[in-house]
């Protein structure tokens, strides 16, 4: 039986013998948060760190958890910005001087294709149209038809990829550049 086997089967205290092994075991338990010797304590009462506090995480776990939470928050924020209500809120708040319509048929601009998600109107004139597009969906016929109809009618057209972050300031700036002034 090798040293590793002894450590695993008997705990460090027994494998290395006496008080030194016990302190080493307790130190490793406190550092790792694992109960190596099976005494129900993580760090024991003879901790070499001078504290009876038990470790609750494995080193690096806090950082990994933090990264996981950050990633989850990012994913949640991604989900938020890729949804139509996110854009609706920004457009209604920042561009309230325009008449805002949703799901505007391309036929209103004399073409065929997928409906525009948003249209900004100045009176009865289109000031710009906006389409939300999934990744690589801007290469399909319905999208191209909608884009071409806007271009042919002289109406500014932009799209936002729904798989991208679409941060608020970015969305506002792009729409400001898109829309014909009031």
C-alpha atoms as a PDB file:
ATOM      1  CA  UNK A   1       0.000   0.000   0.000  1.00  0.00           C
ATOM      2  CA  UNK A   2       1.478   3.348  -1.071  1.00  0.00           C
ATOM      3  CA  UNK A   3       1.410   6.625   0.823  1.00  0.00           C
ATOM      4  CA  UNK A   4      -1.542   7.894  -1.212  1.00  0.00           C
ATOM      5  CA  UNK A   5      -3.548   4.767  -0.399  1.00  0.00           C
ATOM      6  CA  UNK A   6      -2.753   5.189   3.280  1.00  0.00           C
ATOM      7  CA  UNK A   7      -3.817   8.818   3.157  1.00  0.00           C
ATOM      8  CA  UNK A   8      -7.081   7.934   1.514  1.00  0.00           C
ATOM      9  CA  UNK A   9      -7.884   4.863   3.622  1.00  0.00           C
ATOM     10  CA  UNK A  10      -6.589   5.909   7.022  1.00  0.00           C
ATOM     11  CA  UNK A  11      -6.433   9.691   6.877  1.00  0.00           C
ATOM     12  CA  UNK A  12      -3.280  11.742   7.127  1.00  0.00           C
ATOM     13  CA  UNK A  13      -3.198  11.584  10.917  1.00  0.00           C
ATOM     14  CA  UNK A  14      -2.732   7.832  10.955  1.00  0.00           C
ATOM     15  CA  UNK A  15      -0.553   7.704   7.862  1.00  0.00           C
ATOM     16  CA  UNK A  16       2.011  10.171   9.140  1.00  0.00           C
ATOM     17  CA  UNK A  17       1.558   9.391  12.804  1.00  0.00           C
ATOM     18  CA  UNK A  18       0.724  11.324  15.905  1.00  0.00           C
ATOM     19  CA  UNK A  19       0.165  15.012  16.444  1.00  0.00           C
ATOM     20  CA  UNK A  20       2.128  16.130  13.366  1.00  0.00           C
ATOM     21  CA  UNK A  21      -0.061  14.019  11.100  1.00  0.00           C
ATOM     22  CA  UNK A  22      -3.181  15.258  12.857  1.00  0.00           C
ATOM     23  CA  UNK A  23      -2.151  18.886  12.406  1.00  0.00           C
ATOM     24  CA  UNK A  24      -1.279  18.269   8.789  1.00  0.00           C
ATOM     25  CA  UNK A  25      -4.606  16.549   8.230  1.00  0.00           C
ATOM     26  CA  UNK A  26      -6.447  19.421   9.921  1.00  0.00           C
ATOM     27  CA  UNK A  27      -4.545  21.992   7.854  1.00  0.00           C
ATOM     28  CA  UNK A  28      -5.387  20.222   4.613  1.00  0.00           C
ATOM     29  CA  UNK A  29      -9.015  19.833   5.700  1.00  0.00           C
ATOM     30  CA  UNK A  30      -9.261  23.524   6.490  1.00  0.00           C
ATOM     31  CA  UNK A  31      -7.624  24.529   3.242  1.00  0.00           C
ATOM     32  CA  UNK A  32      -9.744  22.221   1.101  1.00  0.00           C
ATOM     33  CA  UNK A  33     -12.971  22.095   3.063  1.00  0.00           C
ATOM     34  CA  UNK A  34     -12.892  18.291   2.925  1.00  0.00           C
ATOM     35  CA  UNK A  35     -13.219  15.947   5.898  1.00  0.00           C
ATOM     36  CA  UNK A  36     -10.242  13.702   5.144  1.00  0.00           C
ATOM     37  CA  UNK A  37     -10.038  11.771   8.410  1.00  0.00           C
ATOM     38  CA  UNK A  38     -13.771  11.330   8.848  1.00  0.00           C
ATOM     39  CA  UNK A  39     -13.938  13.021  12.249  1.00  0.00           C
ATOM     40  CA  UNK A  40     -16.794  15.266  11.151  1.00  0.00           C
ATOM     41  CA  UNK A  41     -14.648  18.386  11.319  1.00  0.00           C
ATOM     42  CA  UNK A  42     -13.080  20.259   8.484  1.00  0.00           C
ATOM     43  CA  UNK A  43      -9.968  21.708  10.034  1.00  0.00           C
ATOM     44  CA  UNK A  44     -10.379  20.142  13.453  1.00  0.00           C
ATOM     45  CA  UNK A  45      -9.792  21.754  16.796  1.00  0.00           C
ATOM     46  CA  UNK A  46      -6.014  21.573  16.473  1.00  0.00           C
ATOM     47  CA  UNK A  47      -5.902  23.658  13.335  1.00  0.00           C
ATOM     48  CA  UNK A  48      -2.442  24.938  12.483  1.00  0.00           C
ATOM     49  CA  UNK A  49      -4.096  28.149  11.322  1.00  0.00           C
ATOM     50  CA  UNK A  50      -5.196  28.931  14.880  1.00  0.00           C
ATOM     51  CA  UNK A  51      -8.881  29.004  14.073  1.00  0.00           C
ATOM     52  CA  UNK A  52     -11.676  26.557  14.685  1.00  0.00           C
ATOM     53  CA  UNK A  53     -13.599  27.908  11.693  1.00  0.00           C
ATOM     54  CA  UNK A  54     -14.441  25.289   9.174  1.00  0.00           C
ATOM     55  CA  UNK A  55     -13.755  25.856   5.527  1.00  0.00           C
ATOM     56  CA  UNK A  56     -16.917  25.717   3.487  1.00  0.00           C
ATOM     57  CA  UNK A  57     -15.468  25.770   0.014  1.00  0.00           C
ATOM     58  CA  UNK A  58     -12.681  24.243  -1.950  1.00  0.00           C
ATOM     59  CA  UNK A  59      -9.972  26.767  -2.886  1.00  0.00           C
ATOM     60  CA  UNK A  60     -10.873  28.330  -6.192  1.00  0.00           C
ATOM     61  CA  UNK A  61     -14.520  27.406  -5.736  1.00  0.00           C
ATOM     62  CA  UNK A  62     -15.505  30.940  -4.760  1.00  0.00           C
ATOM     63  CA  UNK A  63     -13.900  32.250  -7.924  1.00  0.00           C
ATOM     64  CA  UNK A  64     -15.507  29.519 -10.025  1.00  0.00           C
ATOM     65  CA  UNK A  65     -18.882  30.221  -8.407  1.00  0.00           C
ATOM     66  CA  UNK A  66     -18.391  33.925  -9.003  1.00  0.00           C
ATOM     67  CA  UNK A  67     -17.552  33.261 -12.639  1.00  0.00           C
ATOM     68  CA  UNK A  68     -20.585  30.974 -12.929  1.00  0.00           C
ATOM     69  CA  UNK A  69     -22.885  33.621 -11.439  1.00  0.00           C
ATOM     70  CA  UNK A  70     -21.398  36.248 -13.722  1.00  0.00           C
ATOM     71  CA  UNK A  71     -21.907  33.971 -16.712  1.00  0.00           C
ATOM     72  CA  UNK A  72     -25.495  33.247 -15.657  1.00  0.00           C
ATOM     73  CA  UNK A  73     -26.167  36.962 -15.259  1.00  0.00           C
ATOM     74  CA  UNK A  74     -24.682  37.561 -18.697  1.00  0.00           C
ATOM     75  CA  UNK A  75     -26.853  34.848 -20.200  1.00  0.00           C
ATOM     76  CA  UNK A  76     -29.913  36.325 -18.492  1.00  0.00           C
ATOM     77  CA  UNK A  77     -29.037  39.788 -19.749  1.00  0.00           C
ATOM     78  CA  UNK A  78     -28.489  38.302 -23.203  1.00  0.00           C
ATOM     79  CA  UNK A  79     -31.956  36.792 -23.060  1.00  0.00           C
ATOM     80  CA  UNK A  80     -33.384  40.150 -22.042  1.00  0.00           C
ATOM     81  CA  UNK A  81     -31.781  42.135 -24.835  1.00  0.00           C
ATOM     82  CA  UNK A  82     -32.690  39.675 -27.521  1.00  0.00           C
ATOM     83  CA  UNK A  83     -36.385  39.853 -26.833  1.00  0.00           C
ATOM     84  CA  UNK A  84     -38.732  42.213 -28.562  1.00  0.00           C
ATOM     85  CA  UNK A  85     -40.004  43.794 -25.302  1.00  0.00           C
ATOM     86  CA  UNK A  86     -36.487  45.068 -24.588  1.00  0.00           C
ATOM     87  CA  UNK A  87     -36.421  46.962 -27.890  1.00  0.00           C
ATOM     88  CA  UNK A  88     -40.026  48.090 -27.445  1.00  0.00           C
ATOM     89  CA  UNK A  89     -39.176  49.692 -24.106  1.00  0.00           C
ATOM     90  CA  UNK A  90     -36.180  51.575 -25.511  1.00  0.00           C
ATOM     91  CA  UNK A  91     -38.014  52.736 -28.614  1.00  0.00           C
ATOM     92  CA  UNK A  92     -41.095  53.882 -26.711  1.00  0.00           C
ATOM     93  CA  UNK A  93     -38.984  55.726 -24.138  1.00  0.00           C
ATOM     94  CA  UNK A  94     -36.363  57.316 -26.375  1.00  0.00           C
ATOM     95  CA  UNK A  95     -38.288  57.875 -29.601  1.00  0.00           C
ATOM     96  CA  UNK A  96     -41.711  58.892 -28.312  1.00  0.00           C
ATOM     97  CA  UNK A  97     -41.848  61.813 -30.760  1.00  0.00           C
ATOM     98  CA  UNK A  98     -42.459  59.325 -33.537  1.00  0.00           C
ATOM     99  CA  UNK A  99     -45.534  57.234 -34.052  1.00  0.00           C
ATOM    100  CA  UNK A 100     -44.327  53.731 -33.310  1.00  0.00           C
ATOM    101  CA  UNK A 101     -45.872  50.704 -34.936  1.00  0.00           C
ATOM    102  CA  UNK A 102     -45.037  47.040 -34.554  1.00  0.00           C
ATOM    103  CA  UNK A 103     -45.259  44.131 -36.960  1.00  0.00           C
ATOM    104  CA  UNK A 104     -45.695  46.381 -39.976  1.00  0.00           C
ATOM    105  CA  UNK A 105     -46.368  44.428 -43.188  1.00  0.00           C
ATOM    106  CA  UNK A 106     -43.746  44.883 -45.897  1.00  0.00           C
ATOM    107  CA  UNK A 107     -46.601  45.349 -48.390  1.00  0.00           C
ATOM    108  CA  UNK A 108     -47.070  48.866 -46.951  1.00  0.00           C
ATOM    109  CA  UNK A 109     -43.740  49.718 -48.588  1.00  0.00           C
ATOM    110  CA  UNK A 110     -44.668  47.886 -51.780  1.00  0.00           C
ATOM    111  CA  UNK A 111     -42.713  44.692 -51.248  1.00  0.00           C
ATOM    112  CA  UNK A 112     -42.892  41.160 -50.006  1.00  0.00           C
ATOM    113  CA  UNK A 113     -41.154  39.638 -47.032  1.00  0.00           C
ATOM    114  CA  UNK A 114     -41.213  39.355 -43.310  1.00  0.00           C
ATOM    115  CA  UNK A 115     -42.983  42.113 -41.384  1.00  0.00           C
ATOM    116  CA  UNK A 116     -40.843  44.829 -39.826  1.00  0.00           C
ATOM    117  CA  UNK A 117     -40.667  44.478 -36.073  1.00  0.00           C
ATOM    118  CA  UNK A 118     -40.857  48.246 -35.590  1.00  0.00           C
ATOM    119  CA  UNK A 119     -41.565  51.243 -37.758  1.00  0.00           C
ATOM    120  CA  UNK A 120     -41.044  54.866 -36.777  1.00  0.00           C
ATOM    121  CA  UNK A 121     -43.377  57.273 -38.500  1.00  0.00           C
ATOM    122  CA  UNK A 122     -43.362  61.038 -38.718  1.00  0.00           C
ATOM    123  CA  UNK A 123     -47.006  61.699 -39.336  1.00  0.00           C
ATOM    124  CA  UNK A 124     -47.850  59.281 -42.134  1.00  0.00           C
ATOM    125  CA  UNK A 125     -44.303  59.083 -43.520  1.00  0.00           C
ATOM    126  CA  UNK A 126     -41.970  56.275 -42.576  1.00  0.00           C
ATOM    127  CA  UNK A 127     -38.922  57.654 -40.748  1.00  0.00           C
ATOM    128  CA  UNK A 128     -37.312  54.221 -40.471  1.00  0.00           C
ATOM    129  CA  UNK A 129     -37.971  50.517 -40.068  1.00  0.00           C
ATOM    130  CA  UNK A 130     -36.302  48.044 -37.729  1.00  0.00           C
ATOM    131  CA  UNK A 131     -36.049  44.296 -37.974  1.00  0.00           C
ATOM    132  CA  UNK A 132     -34.865  41.887 -35.275  1.00  0.00           C
ATOM    133  CA  UNK A 133     -32.945  39.048 -36.845  1.00  0.00           C
ATOM    134  CA  UNK A 134     -31.690  35.742 -35.481  1.00  0.00           C
ATOM    135  CA  UNK A 135     -28.143  34.696 -36.230  1.00  0.00           C
ATOM    136  CA  UNK A 136     -27.694  34.121 -39.977  1.00  0.00           C
ATOM    137  CA  UNK A 137     -31.345  34.847 -40.707  1.00  0.00           C
ATOM    138  CA  UNK A 138     -30.439  37.992 -42.627  1.00  0.00           C
ATOM    139  CA  UNK A 139     -29.569  35.800 -45.565  1.00  0.00           C
ATOM    140  CA  UNK A 140     -33.063  34.452 -46.219  1.00  0.00           C
ATOM    141  CA  UNK A 141     -35.543  35.551 -48.835  1.00  0.00           C
ATOM    142  CA  UNK A 142     -38.126  37.054 -46.446  1.00  0.00           C
ATOM    143  CA  UNK A 143     -35.488  39.261 -44.825  1.00  0.00           C
ATOM    144  CA  UNK A 144     -33.982  40.315 -48.126  1.00  0.00           C
ATOM    145  CA  UNK A 145     -37.413  41.157 -49.518  1.00  0.00           C
ATOM    146  CA  UNK A 146     -38.177  43.369 -46.522  1.00  0.00           C
ATOM    147  CA  UNK A 147     -34.807  45.125 -46.720  1.00  0.00           C
ATOM    148  CA  UNK A 148     -35.110  45.677 -50.480  1.00  0.00           C
ATOM    149  CA  UNK A 149     -38.657  47.036 -50.128  1.00  0.00           C
ATOM    150  CA  UNK A 150     -37.469  49.606 -47.584  1.00  0.00           C
ATOM    151  CA  UNK A 151     -34.526  50.603 -49.774  1.00  0.00           C
ATOM    152  CA  UNK A 152     -36.741  50.892 -52.865  1.00  0.00           C
ATOM    153  CA  UNK A 153     -39.179  53.110 -50.941  1.00  0.00           C
ATOM    154  CA  UNK A 154     -36.297  55.255 -49.640  1.00  0.00           C
ATOM    155  CA  UNK A 155     -37.024  54.323 -46.038  1.00  0.00           C
ATOM    156  CA  UNK A 156     -34.040  53.855 -43.721  1.00  0.00           C
ATOM    157  CA  UNK A 157     -33.710  50.221 -42.626  1.00  0.00           C
ATOM    158  CA  UNK A 158     -31.649  48.612 -39.863  1.00  0.00           C
ATOM    159  CA  UNK A 159     -31.595  45.287 -38.171  1.00  0.00           C
ATOM    160  CA  UNK A 160     -30.404  44.049 -34.795  1.00  0.00           C
ATOM    161  CA  UNK A 161     -29.055  40.542 -34.387  1.00  0.00           C
ATOM    162  CA  UNK A 162     -30.883  38.958 -31.485  1.00  0.00           C
ATOM    163  CA  UNK A 163     -27.906  36.789 -30.511  1.00  0.00           C
ATOM    164  CA  UNK A 164     -25.781  39.884 -29.832  1.00  0.00           C
ATOM    165  CA  UNK A 165     -25.730  41.914 -26.589  1.00  0.00           C
ATOM    166  CA  UNK A 166     -27.503  44.967 -28.053  1.00  0.00           C
ATOM    167  CA  UNK A 167     -26.640  47.181 -25.127  1.00  0.00           C
ATOM    168  CA  UNK A 168     -29.044  50.031 -24.540  1.00  0.00           C
ATOM    169  CA  UNK A 169     -26.710  52.854 -25.652  1.00  0.00           C
ATOM    170  CA  UNK A 170     -25.815  50.939 -28.804  1.00  0.00           C
ATOM    171  CA  UNK A 171     -29.466  50.431 -29.702  1.00  0.00           C
ATOM    172  CA  UNK A 172     -30.291  54.099 -29.091  1.00  0.00           C
ATOM    173  CA  UNK A 173     -27.341  55.345 -31.141  1.00  0.00           C
ATOM    174  CA  UNK A 174     -28.136  53.098 -34.096  1.00  0.00           C
ATOM    175  CA  UNK A 175     -31.785  54.118 -34.140  1.00  0.00           C
ATOM    176  CA  UNK A 176     -30.826  57.810 -33.906  1.00  0.00           C
ATOM    177  CA  UNK A 177     -28.621  57.361 -36.959  1.00  0.00           C
ATOM    178  CA  UNK A 178     -31.402  55.450 -38.717  1.00  0.00           C
ATOM    179  CA  UNK A 179     -34.447  57.579 -38.260  1.00  0.00           C
ATOM    180  CA  UNK A 180     -35.193  60.613 -40.315  1.00  0.00           C
ATOM    181  CA  UNK A 181     -35.437  63.619 -38.008  1.00  0.00           C
ATOM    182  CA  UNK A 182     -38.812  64.831 -36.816  1.00  0.00           C
END
